PDB file of all heavy atoms in Angstrom:
ATOM      1  N   TYR A   1     168.654  22.049-128.887  1.00  0.00           N
ATOM      2  CA  TYR A   1     167.839  20.853-128.617  1.00  0.00           C
ATOM      3  C   TYR A   1     168.594  19.609-129.090  1.00  0.00           C
ATOM      4  O   TYR A   1     168.238  18.998-130.100  1.00  0.00           O
ATOM      5  CB  TYR A   1     166.497  20.961-129.337  1.00  0.00           C
ATOM      6  CG  TYR A   1     165.700  22.179-128.953  1.00  0.00           C
ATOM      7  CD1 TYR A   1     165.645  23.285-129.783  1.00  0.00           C
ATOM      8  CD2 TYR A   1     165.000  22.229-127.752  1.00  0.00           C
ATOM      9  CE1 TYR A   1     164.916  24.431-129.435  1.00  0.00           C
ATOM     10  CE2 TYR A   1     164.278  23.347-127.389  1.00  0.00           C
ATOM     11  CZ  TYR A   1     164.240  24.448-128.240  1.00  0.00           C
ATOM     12  OH  TYR A   1     163.511  25.568-127.879  1.00  0.00           O
ATOM     13  N   PRO A   2     169.640  19.230-128.396  1.00  0.00           N
ATOM     14  CA  PRO A   2     170.437  18.058-128.855  1.00  0.00           C
ATOM     15  C   PRO A   2     169.648  16.755-128.859  1.00  0.00           C
ATOM     16  O   PRO A   2     170.025  15.812-129.554  1.00  0.00           O
ATOM     17  CB  PRO A   2     171.590  18.017-127.852  1.00  0.00           C
ATOM     18  CG  PRO A   2     171.094  18.761-126.661  1.00  0.00           C
ATOM     19  CD  PRO A   2     170.167  19.813-127.168  1.00  0.00           C
ATOM     20  N   THR A   3     168.542  16.670-128.114  1.00  0.00           N
ATOM     21  CA  THR A   3     167.763  15.411-128.059  1.00  0.00           C
ATOM     22  C   THR A   3     166.478  15.505-128.902  1.00  0.00           C
ATOM     23  O   THR A   3     165.689  14.552-128.875  1.00  0.00           O
ATOM     24  CB  THR A   3     167.373  15.086-126.613  1.00  0.00           C
ATOM     25  OG1 THR A   3     166.568  16.163-126.075  1.00  0.00           O
ATOM     26  CG2 THR A   3     168.608  14.905-125.749  1.00  0.00           C
ATOM     27  N   GLY A   4     166.273  16.595-129.609  1.00  0.00           N
ATOM     28  CA  GLY A   4     165.024  16.773-130.359  1.00  0.00           C
ATOM     29  C   GLY A   4     165.153  16.451-131.830  1.00  0.00           C
ATOM     30  O   GLY A   4     164.663  17.211-132.681  1.00  0.00           O
ATOM     31  N   LEU A   5     165.837  15.345-132.159  1.00  0.00           N
ATOM     32  CA  LEU A   5     166.089  15.026-133.558  1.00  0.00           C
ATOM     33  C   LEU A   5     164.789  14.840-134.349  1.00  0.00           C
ATOM     34  O   LEU A   5     164.645  15.332-135.485  1.00  0.00           O
ATOM     35  CB  LEU A   5     166.949  13.768-133.655  1.00  0.00           C
ATOM     36  CG  LEU A   5     167.251  13.262-135.067  1.00  0.00           C
ATOM     37  CD1 LEU A   5     168.042  14.322-135.833  1.00  0.00           C
ATOM     38  CD2 LEU A   5     168.009  11.943-135.015  1.00  0.00           C
ATOM     39  N   PHE A   6     163.821  14.139-133.763  1.00  0.00           N
ATOM     40  CA  PHE A   6     162.585  13.852-134.486  1.00  0.00           C
ATOM     41  C   PHE A   6     161.868  15.136-134.912  1.00  0.00           C
ATOM     42  O   PHE A   6     161.412  15.262-136.039  1.00  0.00           O
ATOM     43  CB  PHE A   6     161.660  13.010-133.599  1.00  0.00           C
ATOM     44  CG  PHE A   6     160.265  12.881-134.162  1.00  0.00           C
ATOM     45  CD1 PHE A   6     159.993  12.021-135.218  1.00  0.00           C
ATOM     46  CD2 PHE A   6     159.219  13.646-133.632  1.00  0.00           C
ATOM     47  CE1 PHE A   6     158.711  11.922-135.737  1.00  0.00           C
ATOM     48  CE2 PHE A   6     157.939  13.548-134.151  1.00  0.00           C
ATOM     49  CZ  PHE A   6     157.684  12.680-135.205  1.00  0.00           C
ATOM     50  N   PHE A   7     161.788  16.103-134.001  1.00  0.00           N
ATOM     51  CA  PHE A   7     161.069  17.342-134.313  1.00  0.00           C
ATOM     52  C   PHE A   7     161.752  18.108-135.457  1.00  0.00           C
ATOM     53  O   PHE A   7     161.091  18.682-136.309  1.00  0.00           O
ATOM     54  CB  PHE A   7     160.958  18.208-133.059  1.00  0.00           C
ATOM     55  CG  PHE A   7     160.212  17.557-131.942  1.00  0.00           C
ATOM     56  CD1 PHE A   7     160.824  17.272-130.723  1.00  0.00           C
ATOM     57  CD2 PHE A   7     158.880  17.190-132.103  1.00  0.00           C
ATOM     58  CE1 PHE A   7     160.124  16.657-129.706  1.00  0.00           C
ATOM     59  CE2 PHE A   7     158.177  16.584-131.083  1.00  0.00           C
ATOM     60  CZ  PHE A   7     158.816  16.311-129.875  1.00  0.00           C
ATOM     61  N   PHE A   8     163.065  18.093-135.460  1.00  0.00           N
ATOM     62  CA  PHE A   8     163.757  18.848-136.498  1.00  0.00           C
ATOM     63  C   PHE A   8     163.732  18.131-137.852  1.00  0.00           C
ATOM     64  O   PHE A   8     163.690  18.762-138.895  1.00  0.00           O
ATOM     65  CB  PHE A   8     165.208  19.129-136.059  1.00  0.00           C
ATOM     66  CG  PHE A   8     165.282  20.216-135.037  1.00  0.00           C
ATOM     67  CD1 PHE A   8     165.256  19.934-133.695  1.00  0.00           C
ATOM     68  CD2 PHE A   8     165.340  21.547-135.422  1.00  0.00           C
ATOM     69  CE1 PHE A   8     165.312  20.930-132.752  1.00  0.00           C
ATOM     70  CE2 PHE A   8     165.386  22.563-134.491  1.00  0.00           C
ATOM     71  CZ  PHE A   8     165.365  22.264-133.150  1.00  0.00           C
ATOM     72  N   LEU A   9     163.714  16.794-137.810  1.00  0.00           N
ATOM     73  CA  LEU A   9     163.526  16.069-139.067  1.00  0.00           C
ATOM     74  C   LEU A   9     162.137  16.334-139.639  1.00  0.00           C
ATOM     75  O   LEU A   9     161.968  16.547-140.847  1.00  0.00           O
ATOM     76  CB  LEU A   9     163.731  14.576-138.847  1.00  0.00           C
ATOM     77  CG  LEU A   9     165.173  14.132-138.554  1.00  0.00           C
ATOM     78  CD1 LEU A   9     165.208  12.623-138.297  1.00  0.00           C
ATOM     79  CD2 LEU A   9     166.087  14.479-139.742  1.00  0.00           C
ATOM     80  N   ALA A  10     161.122  16.345-138.758  1.00  0.00           N
ATOM     81  CA  ALA A  10     159.767  16.652-139.198  1.00  0.00           C
ATOM     82  C   ALA A  10     159.668  18.075-139.724  1.00  0.00           C
ATOM     83  O   ALA A  10     159.001  18.337-140.743  1.00  0.00           O
ATOM     84  CB  ALA A  10     158.783  16.443-138.047  1.00  0.00           C
ATOM     85  N   ALA A  11     160.348  19.003-139.060  1.00  0.00           N
ATOM     86  CA  ALA A  11     160.341  20.403-139.515  1.00  0.00           C
ATOM     87  C   ALA A  11     161.008  20.533-140.891  1.00  0.00           C
ATOM     88  O   ALA A  11     160.522  21.248-141.781  1.00  0.00           O
ATOM     89  CB  ALA A  11     161.038  21.297-138.506  1.00  0.00           C
ATOM     90  N   GLY A  12     162.111  19.824-141.091  1.00  0.00           N
ATOM     91  CA  GLY A  12     162.784  19.864-142.385  1.00  0.00           C
ATOM     92  C   GLY A  12     161.912  19.309-143.503  1.00  0.00           C
ATOM     93  O   GLY A  12     161.852  19.870-144.599  1.00  0.00           O
ATOM     94  N   ALA A  13     161.222  18.188-143.218  1.00  0.00           N
ATOM     95  CA  ALA A  13     160.324  17.608-144.216  1.00  0.00           C
ATOM     96  C   ALA A  13     159.172  18.567-144.514  1.00  0.00           C
ATOM     97  O   ALA A  13     158.763  18.734-145.671  1.00  0.00           O
ATOM     98  CB  ALA A  13     159.793  16.261-143.728  1.00  0.00           C
ATOM     99  N   ASN A  14     158.646  19.191-143.473  1.00  0.00           N
ATOM    100  CA  ASN A  14     157.546  20.141-143.635  1.00  0.00           C
ATOM    101  C   ASN A  14     157.962  21.312-144.541  1.00  0.00           C
ATOM    102  O   ASN A  14     157.222  21.740-145.423  1.00  0.00           O
ATOM    103  CB  ASN A  14     157.104  20.648-142.270  1.00  0.00           C
ATOM    104  CG  ASN A  14     156.066  21.734-142.365  1.00  0.00           C
ATOM    105  OD1 ASN A  14     154.961  21.522-142.835  1.00  0.00           O
ATOM    106  ND2 ASN A  14     156.427  22.940-141.894  1.00  0.00           N
ATOM    107  N   ILE A  15     159.159  21.831-144.312  1.00  0.00           N
ATOM    108  CA  ILE A  15     159.668  22.961-145.108  1.00  0.00           C
ATOM    109  C   ILE A  15     159.821  22.562-146.563  1.00  0.00           C
ATOM    110  O   ILE A  15     159.397  23.289-147.480  1.00  0.00           O
ATOM    111  CB  ILE A  15     161.001  23.458-144.524  1.00  0.00           C
ATOM    112  CG1 ILE A  15     160.779  24.099-143.160  1.00  0.00           C
ATOM    113  CG2 ILE A  15     161.668  24.450-145.461  1.00  0.00           C
ATOM    114  CD1 ILE A  15     162.053  24.377-142.394  1.00  0.00           C
ATOM    115  N   ALA A  16     160.415  21.390-146.801  1.00  0.00           N
ATOM    116  CA  ALA A  16     160.632  20.952-148.195  1.00  0.00           C
ATOM    117  C   ALA A  16     159.309  20.706-148.909  1.00  0.00           C
ATOM    118  O   ALA A  16     159.135  21.106-150.073  1.00  0.00           O
ATOM    119  CB  ALA A  16     161.484  19.673-148.196  1.00  0.00           C
ATOM    120  N   VAL A  17     158.350  20.070-148.244  1.00  0.00           N
ATOM    121  CA  VAL A  17     157.061  19.759-148.869  1.00  0.00           C
ATOM    122  C   VAL A  17     156.281  21.027-149.186  1.00  0.00           C
ATOM    123  O   VAL A  17     155.758  21.199-150.291  1.00  0.00           O
ATOM    124  CB  VAL A  17     156.238  18.824-147.957  1.00  0.00           C
ATOM    125  CG1 VAL A  17     154.798  18.704-148.490  1.00  0.00           C
ATOM    126  CG2 VAL A  17     156.877  17.443-147.891  1.00  0.00           C
ATOM    127  N   LEU A  18     156.214  21.952-148.218  1.00  0.00           N
ATOM    128  CA  LEU A  18     155.463  23.183-148.470  1.00  0.00           C
ATOM    129  C   LEU A  18     156.119  24.051-149.527  1.00  0.00           C
ATOM    130  O   LEU A  18     155.447  24.706-150.327  1.00  0.00           O
ATOM    131  CB  LEU A  18     155.319  23.970-147.154  1.00  0.00           C
ATOM    132  CG  LEU A  18     154.345  23.380-146.135  1.00  0.00           C
ATOM    133  CD1 LEU A  18     154.311  24.221-144.877  1.00  0.00           C
ATOM    134  CD2 LEU A  18     152.947  23.258-146.716  1.00  0.00           C
ATOM    135  N   PHE A  19     157.429  24.048-149.574  1.00  0.00           N
ATOM    136  CA  PHE A  19     158.117  24.763-150.635  1.00  0.00           C
ATOM    137  C   PHE A  19     157.772  24.149-152.000  1.00  0.00           C
ATOM    138  O   PHE A  19     157.528  24.853-152.988  1.00  0.00           O
ATOM    139  CB  PHE A  19     159.617  24.742-150.424  1.00  0.00           C
ATOM    140  CG  PHE A  19     160.411  25.356-151.561  1.00  0.00           C
ATOM    141  CD1 PHE A  19     160.401  26.724-151.757  1.00  0.00           C
ATOM    142  CD2 PHE A  19     161.139  24.556-152.428  1.00  0.00           C
ATOM    143  CE1 PHE A  19     161.112  27.300-152.805  1.00  0.00           C
ATOM    144  CE2 PHE A  19     161.873  25.110-153.467  1.00  0.00           C
ATOM    145  CZ  PHE A  19     161.850  26.486-153.660  1.00  0.00           C
ATOM    146  N   GLY A  20     157.722  22.805-152.051  1.00  0.00           N
ATOM    147  CA  GLY A  20     157.337  22.141-153.294  1.00  0.00           C
ATOM    148  C   GLY A  20     155.920  22.486-153.714  1.00  0.00           C
ATOM    149  O   GLY A  20     155.646  22.724-154.902  1.00  0.00           O
ATOM    150  N   PHE A  21     155.004  22.561-152.725  1.00  0.00           N
ATOM    151  CA  PHE A  21     153.628  22.954-153.041  1.00  0.00           C
ATOM    152  C   PHE A  21     153.588  24.372-153.615  1.00  0.00           C
ATOM    153  O   PHE A  21     152.855  24.644-154.566  1.00  0.00           O
ATOM    154  CB  PHE A  21     152.767  22.890-151.781  1.00  0.00           C
ATOM    155  CG  PHE A  21     152.322  21.509-151.418  1.00  0.00           C
ATOM    156  CD1 PHE A  21     152.077  21.154-150.102  1.00  0.00           C
ATOM    157  CD2 PHE A  21     152.151  20.538-152.395  1.00  0.00           C
ATOM    158  CE1 PHE A  21     151.691  19.870-149.757  1.00  0.00           C
ATOM    159  CE2 PHE A  21     151.746  19.254-152.067  1.00  0.00           C
ATOM    160  CZ  PHE A  21     151.526  18.920-150.743  1.00  0.00           C
ATOM    161  N   GLY A  22     154.372  25.273-153.047  1.00  0.00           N
ATOM    162  CA  GLY A  22     154.408  26.640-153.535  1.00  0.00           C
ATOM    163  C   GLY A  22     154.924  26.713-154.963  1.00  0.00           C
ATOM    164  O   GLY A  22     154.370  27.441-155.796  1.00  0.00           O
ATOM    165  N   VAL A  23     155.982  25.942-155.257  1.00  0.00           N
ATOM    166  CA  VAL A  23     156.541  25.932-156.605  1.00  0.00           C
ATOM    167  C   VAL A  23     155.532  25.365-157.616  1.00  0.00           C
ATOM    168  O   VAL A  23     155.356  25.911-158.711  1.00  0.00           O
ATOM    169  CB  VAL A  23     157.847  25.124-156.623  1.00  0.00           C
ATOM    170  CG1 VAL A  23     158.340  24.921-158.057  1.00  0.00           C
ATOM    171  CG2 VAL A  23     158.929  25.818-155.796  1.00  0.00           C
ATOM    172  N   MET A  24     154.862  24.276-157.243  1.00  0.00           N
ATOM    173  CA  MET A  24     153.867  23.681-158.168  1.00  0.00           C
ATOM    174  C   MET A  24     152.684  24.626-158.400  1.00  0.00           C
ATOM    175  O   MET A  24     152.177  24.731-159.512  1.00  0.00           O
ATOM    176  CB  MET A  24     153.394  22.335-157.595  1.00  0.00           C
ATOM    177  CG  MET A  24     154.436  21.253-157.659  1.00  0.00           C
ATOM    178  SD  MET A  24     153.775  19.626-157.218  1.00  0.00           S
ATOM    179  CE  MET A  24     153.420  19.879-155.468  1.00  0.00           C
ATOM    180  N   GLU A  25     152.256  25.304-157.328  1.00  0.00           N
ATOM    181  CA  GLU A  25     151.149  26.273-157.479  1.00  0.00           C
ATOM    182  C   GLU A  25     151.567  27.417-158.395  1.00  0.00           C
ATOM    183  O   GLU A  25     150.760  27.901-159.206  1.00  0.00           O
ATOM    184  CB  GLU A  25     150.748  26.794-156.101  1.00  0.00           C
ATOM    185  CG  GLU A  25     149.491  27.655-156.123  1.00  0.00           C
ATOM    186  CD  GLU A  25     148.257  26.858-156.461  1.00  0.00           C
ATOM    187  OE1 GLU A  25     148.224  25.644-156.200  1.00  0.00           O
ATOM    188  OE2 GLU A  25     147.308  27.453-157.028  1.00  0.00           O
ATOM    189  N   ARG A  26     152.804  27.832-158.287  1.00  0.00           N
ATOM    190  CA  ARG A  26     153.308  28.901-159.164  1.00  0.00           C
ATOM    191  C   ARG A  26     153.305  28.451-160.622  1.00  0.00           C
ATOM    192  O   ARG A  26     152.851  29.165-161.515  1.00  0.00           O
ATOM    193  CB  ARG A  26     154.719  29.284-158.728  1.00  0.00           C
ATOM    194  CG  ARG A  26     155.414  30.315-159.656  1.00  0.00           C
ATOM    195  CD  ARG A  26     156.867  30.518-159.225  1.00  0.00           C
ATOM    196  NE  ARG A  26     157.556  31.383-160.162  1.00  0.00           N
ATOM    197  CZ  ARG A  26     157.586  32.723-160.037  1.00  0.00           C
ATOM    198  NH1 ARG A  26     156.963  33.315-159.052  1.00  0.00           N
ATOM    199  NH2 ARG A  26     158.269  33.431-160.922  1.00  0.00           N
ATOM    200  N   LYS A  27     153.820  27.227-160.871  1.00  0.00           N
ATOM    201  CA  LYS A  27     153.868  26.716-162.238  1.00  0.00           C
ATOM    202  C   LYS A  27     152.467  26.553-162.818  1.00  0.00           C
ATOM    203  O   LYS A  27     152.220  26.899-163.992  1.00  0.00           O
ATOM    204  CB  LYS A  27     154.605  25.378-162.260  1.00  0.00           C
ATOM    205  CG  LYS A  27     156.105  25.501-162.023  1.00  0.00           C
ATOM    206  CD  LYS A  27     156.791  24.140-162.143  1.00  0.00           C
ATOM    207  CE  LYS A  27     158.301  24.285-161.983  1.00  0.00           C
ATOM    208  NZ  LYS A  27     159.001  22.966-162.093  1.00  0.00           N
ATOM    209  N   GLU A  28     151.530  26.058-162.014  1.00  0.00           N
ATOM    210  CA  GLU A  28     150.166  25.879-162.506  1.00  0.00           C
ATOM    211  C   GLU A  28     149.523  27.223-162.823  1.00  0.00           C
ATOM    212  O   GLU A  28     148.837  27.370-163.845  1.00  0.00           O
ATOM    213  CB  GLU A  28     149.322  25.140-161.448  1.00  0.00           C
ATOM    214  CG  GLU A  28     147.893  24.894-161.898  1.00  0.00           C
ATOM    215  CD  GLU A  28     147.072  24.185-160.844  1.00  0.00           C
ATOM    216  OE1 GLU A  28     147.652  23.779-159.820  1.00  0.00           O
ATOM    217  OE2 GLU A  28     145.860  24.040-161.037  1.00  0.00           O
ATOM    218  N   THR A  29     149.755  28.217-161.968  1.00  0.00           N
ATOM    219  CA  THR A  29     149.181  29.538-162.204  1.00  0.00           C
ATOM    220  C   THR A  29     149.763  30.179-163.463  1.00  0.00           C
ATOM    221  O   THR A  29     149.038  30.768-164.269  1.00  0.00           O
ATOM    222  CB  THR A  29     149.436  30.449-160.988  1.00  0.00           C
ATOM    223  OG1 THR A  29     148.874  29.857-159.822  1.00  0.00           O
ATOM    224  CG2 THR A  29     148.821  31.820-161.199  1.00  0.00           C
ATOM    225  N   LEU A  30     151.074  30.055-163.644  1.00  0.00           N
ATOM    226  CA  LEU A  30     151.708  30.620-164.844  1.00  0.00           C
ATOM    227  C   LEU A  30     151.188  29.919-166.100  1.00  0.00           C
ATOM    228  O   LEU A  30     150.989  30.563-167.134  1.00  0.00           O
ATOM    229  CB  LEU A  30     153.222  30.474-164.741  1.00  0.00           C
ATOM    230  CG  LEU A  30     153.909  31.343-163.675  1.00  0.00           C
ATOM    231  CD1 LEU A  30     155.409  31.053-163.637  1.00  0.00           C
ATOM    232  CD2 LEU A  30     153.680  32.831-163.976  1.00  0.00           C
ATOM    233  N   PHE A  31     150.985  28.609-165.991  1.00  0.00           N
ATOM    234  CA  PHE A  31     150.452  27.871-167.152  1.00  0.00           C
ATOM    235  C   PHE A  31     149.032  28.338-167.478  1.00  0.00           C
ATOM    236  O   PHE A  31     148.701  28.537-168.659  1.00  0.00           O
ATOM    237  CB  PHE A  31     150.449  26.373-166.835  1.00  0.00           C
ATOM    238  CG  PHE A  31     149.818  25.535-167.928  1.00  0.00           C
ATOM    239  CD1 PHE A  31     150.513  25.246-169.095  1.00  0.00           C
ATOM    240  CD2 PHE A  31     148.518  25.039-167.772  1.00  0.00           C
ATOM    241  CE1 PHE A  31     149.933  24.486-170.088  1.00  0.00           C
ATOM    242  CE2 PHE A  31     147.937  24.287-168.772  1.00  0.00           C
ATOM    243  CZ  PHE A  31     148.641  23.996-169.925  1.00  0.00           C
ATOM    244  N   GLN A  32     148.197  28.545-166.450  1.00  0.00           N
ATOM    245  CA  GLN A  32     146.840  29.016-166.687  1.00  0.00           C
ATOM    246  C   GLN A  32     146.845  30.410-167.295  1.00  0.00           C
ATOM    247  O   GLN A  32     146.044  30.713-168.191  1.00  0.00           O
ATOM    248  CB  GLN A  32     146.056  29.022-165.377  1.00  0.00           C
ATOM    249  CG  GLN A  32     145.749  27.635-164.845  1.00  0.00           C
ATOM    250  CD  GLN A  32     145.077  27.668-163.487  1.00  0.00           C
ATOM    251  OE1 GLN A  32     145.017  28.716-162.837  1.00  0.00           O
ATOM    252  NE2 GLN A  32     144.571  26.529-163.033  1.00  0.00           N
ATOM    253  N   GLN A  33     147.745  31.282-166.839  1.00  0.00           N
ATOM    254  CA  GLN A  33     147.845  32.621-167.410  1.00  0.00           C
ATOM    255  C   GLN A  33     148.280  32.558-168.868  1.00  0.00           C
ATOM    256  O   GLN A  33     147.784  33.312-169.709  1.00  0.00           O
ATOM    257  CB  GLN A  33     148.828  33.460-166.595  1.00  0.00           C
ATOM    258  CG  GLN A  33     148.317  33.836-165.210  1.00  0.00           C
ATOM    259  CD  GLN A  33     149.319  34.676-164.448  1.00  0.00           C
ATOM    260  OE1 GLN A  33     150.526  34.631-164.689  1.00  0.00           O
ATOM    261  NE2 GLN A  33     148.830  35.457-163.500  1.00  0.00           N
ATOM    262  N   LYS A  34     149.206  31.654-169.163  1.00  0.00           N
ATOM    263  CA  LYS A  34     149.662  31.501-170.547  1.00  0.00           C
ATOM    264  C   LYS A  34     148.540  30.996-171.440  1.00  0.00           C
ATOM    265  O   LYS A  34     148.349  31.487-172.570  1.00  0.00           O
ATOM    266  CB  LYS A  34     150.843  30.521-170.579  1.00  0.00           C
ATOM    267  CG  LYS A  34     151.471  30.357-171.952  1.00  0.00           C
ATOM    268  CD  LYS A  34     152.681  29.423-171.874  1.00  0.00           C
ATOM    269  CE  LYS A  34     153.314  29.247-173.260  1.00  0.00           C
ATOM    270  NZ  LYS A  34     154.466  28.324-173.209  1.00  0.00           N
ATOM    271  N   GLU A  35     147.762  30.022-170.934  1.00  0.00           N
ATOM    272  CA  GLU A  35     146.645  29.515-171.712  1.00  0.00           C
ATOM    273  C   GLU A  35     145.583  30.595-171.932  1.00  0.00           C
ATOM    274  O   GLU A  35     145.024  30.713-173.020  1.00  0.00           O
ATOM    275  CB  GLU A  35     146.004  28.317-170.986  1.00  0.00           C
ATOM    276  CG  GLU A  35     146.853  27.071-170.983  1.00  0.00           C
ATOM    277  CD  GLU A  35     147.025  26.492-172.381  1.00  0.00           C
ATOM    278  OE1 GLU A  35     146.010  26.221-173.038  1.00  0.00           O
ATOM    279  OE2 GLU A  35     148.171  26.356-172.832  1.00  0.00           O
ATOM    280  N   ALA A  36     145.314  31.402-170.891  1.00  0.00           N
ATOM    281  CA  ALA A  36     144.338  32.469-171.039  1.00  0.00           C
ATOM    282  C   ALA A  36     144.804  33.501-172.050  1.00  0.00           C
ATOM    283  O   ALA A  36     144.016  34.031-172.839  1.00  0.00           O
ATOM    284  CB  ALA A  36     144.087  33.134-169.689  1.00  0.00           C
ATOM    285  N   LYS A  37     146.120  33.806-172.047  1.00  0.00           N
ATOM    286  CA  LYS A  37     146.658  34.759-173.003  1.00  0.00           C
ATOM    287  C   LYS A  37     146.545  34.219-174.431  1.00  0.00           C
ATOM    288  O   LYS A  37     146.202  34.942-175.372  1.00  0.00           O
ATOM    289  CB  LYS A  37     148.116  35.054-172.663  1.00  0.00           C
ATOM    290  CG  LYS A  37     148.750  36.159-173.518  1.00  0.00           C
ATOM    291  CD  LYS A  37     150.208  36.383-173.118  1.00  0.00           C
ATOM    292  CE  LYS A  37     150.283  36.942-171.711  1.00  0.00           C
ATOM    293  NZ  LYS A  37     151.677  37.297-171.367  1.00  0.00           N
ATOM    294  N   HIS A  38     146.827  32.922-174.604  1.00  0.00           N
ATOM    295  CA  HIS A  38     146.696  32.322-175.934  1.00  0.00           C
ATOM    296  C   HIS A  38     145.230  32.344-176.392  1.00  0.00           C
ATOM    297  O   HIS A  38     144.949  32.621-177.569  1.00  0.00           O
ATOM    298  CB  HIS A  38     147.207  30.887-175.895  1.00  0.00           C
ATOM    299  CG  HIS A  38     148.707  30.790-175.828  1.00  0.00           C
ATOM    300  ND1 HIS A  38     149.373  29.612-175.627  1.00  0.00           N
ATOM    301  CD2 HIS A  38     149.650  31.745-175.938  1.00  0.00           C
ATOM    302  CE1 HIS A  38     150.669  29.828-175.608  1.00  0.00           C
ATOM    303  NE2 HIS A  38     150.872  31.113-175.783  1.00  0.00           N
ATOM    304  N   ALA A  39     144.317  32.029-175.460  1.00  0.00           N
ATOM    305  CA  ALA A  39     142.903  32.052-175.827  1.00  0.00           C
ATOM    306  C   ALA A  39     142.454  33.445-176.217  1.00  0.00           C
ATOM    307  O   ALA A  39     141.691  33.623-177.179  1.00  0.00           O
ATOM    308  CB  ALA A  39     142.065  31.545-174.640  1.00  0.00           C
ATOM    309  N   ALA A  40     142.938  34.464-175.490  1.00  0.00           N
ATOM    310  CA  ALA A  40     142.577  35.838-175.842  1.00  0.00           C
ATOM    311  C   ALA A  40     143.156  36.217-177.207  1.00  0.00           C
ATOM    312  O   ALA A  40     142.490  36.897-178.006  1.00  0.00           O
ATOM    313  CB  ALA A  40     143.102  36.800-174.784  1.00  0.00           C
ATOM    314  N   ALA A  41     144.385  35.752-177.497  1.00  0.00           N
ATOM    315  CA  ALA A  41     144.980  36.053-178.787  1.00  0.00           C
ATOM    316  C   ALA A  41     144.213  35.375-179.919  1.00  0.00           C
ATOM    317  O   ALA A  41     143.964  35.979-180.981  1.00  0.00           O
ATOM    318  CB  ALA A  41     146.444  35.585-178.802  1.00  0.00           C
ATOM    319  N   LEU A  42     143.803  34.117-179.686  1.00  0.00           N
ATOM    320  CA  LEU A  42     143.010  33.424-180.704  1.00  0.00           C
ATOM    321  C   LEU A  42     141.666  34.101-180.917  1.00  0.00           C
ATOM    322  O   LEU A  42     141.182  34.214-182.042  1.00  0.00           O
ATOM    323  CB  LEU A  42     142.805  31.964-180.283  1.00  0.00           C
ATOM    324  CG  LEU A  42     144.040  31.074-180.356  1.00  0.00           C
ATOM    325  CD1 LEU A  42     143.718  29.668-179.800  1.00  0.00           C
ATOM    326  CD2 LEU A  42     144.535  30.936-181.796  1.00  0.00           C
ATOM    327  N   SER A  43     141.064  34.567-179.809  1.00  0.00           N
ATOM    328  CA  SER A  43     139.778  35.271-179.936  1.00  0.00           C
ATOM    329  C   SER A  43     139.944  36.545-180.740  1.00  0.00           C
ATOM    330  O   SER A  43     139.103  36.886-181.571  1.00  0.00           O
ATOM    331  CB  SER A  43     139.231  35.572-178.540  1.00  0.00           C
ATOM    332  OG  SER A  43     138.021  36.287-178.627  1.00  0.00           O
TER     333      SER A  43
END
């Protein structure tokens, strides 16, 4: 698709943004698990 520059730029942005969302969701989940483990230890 030599003339489809816009679509591929949009696809690249979409990939980077969704990957970032996945990484942030992973970090948040790991943080919540860590907090729950600390709370259980304190209990």
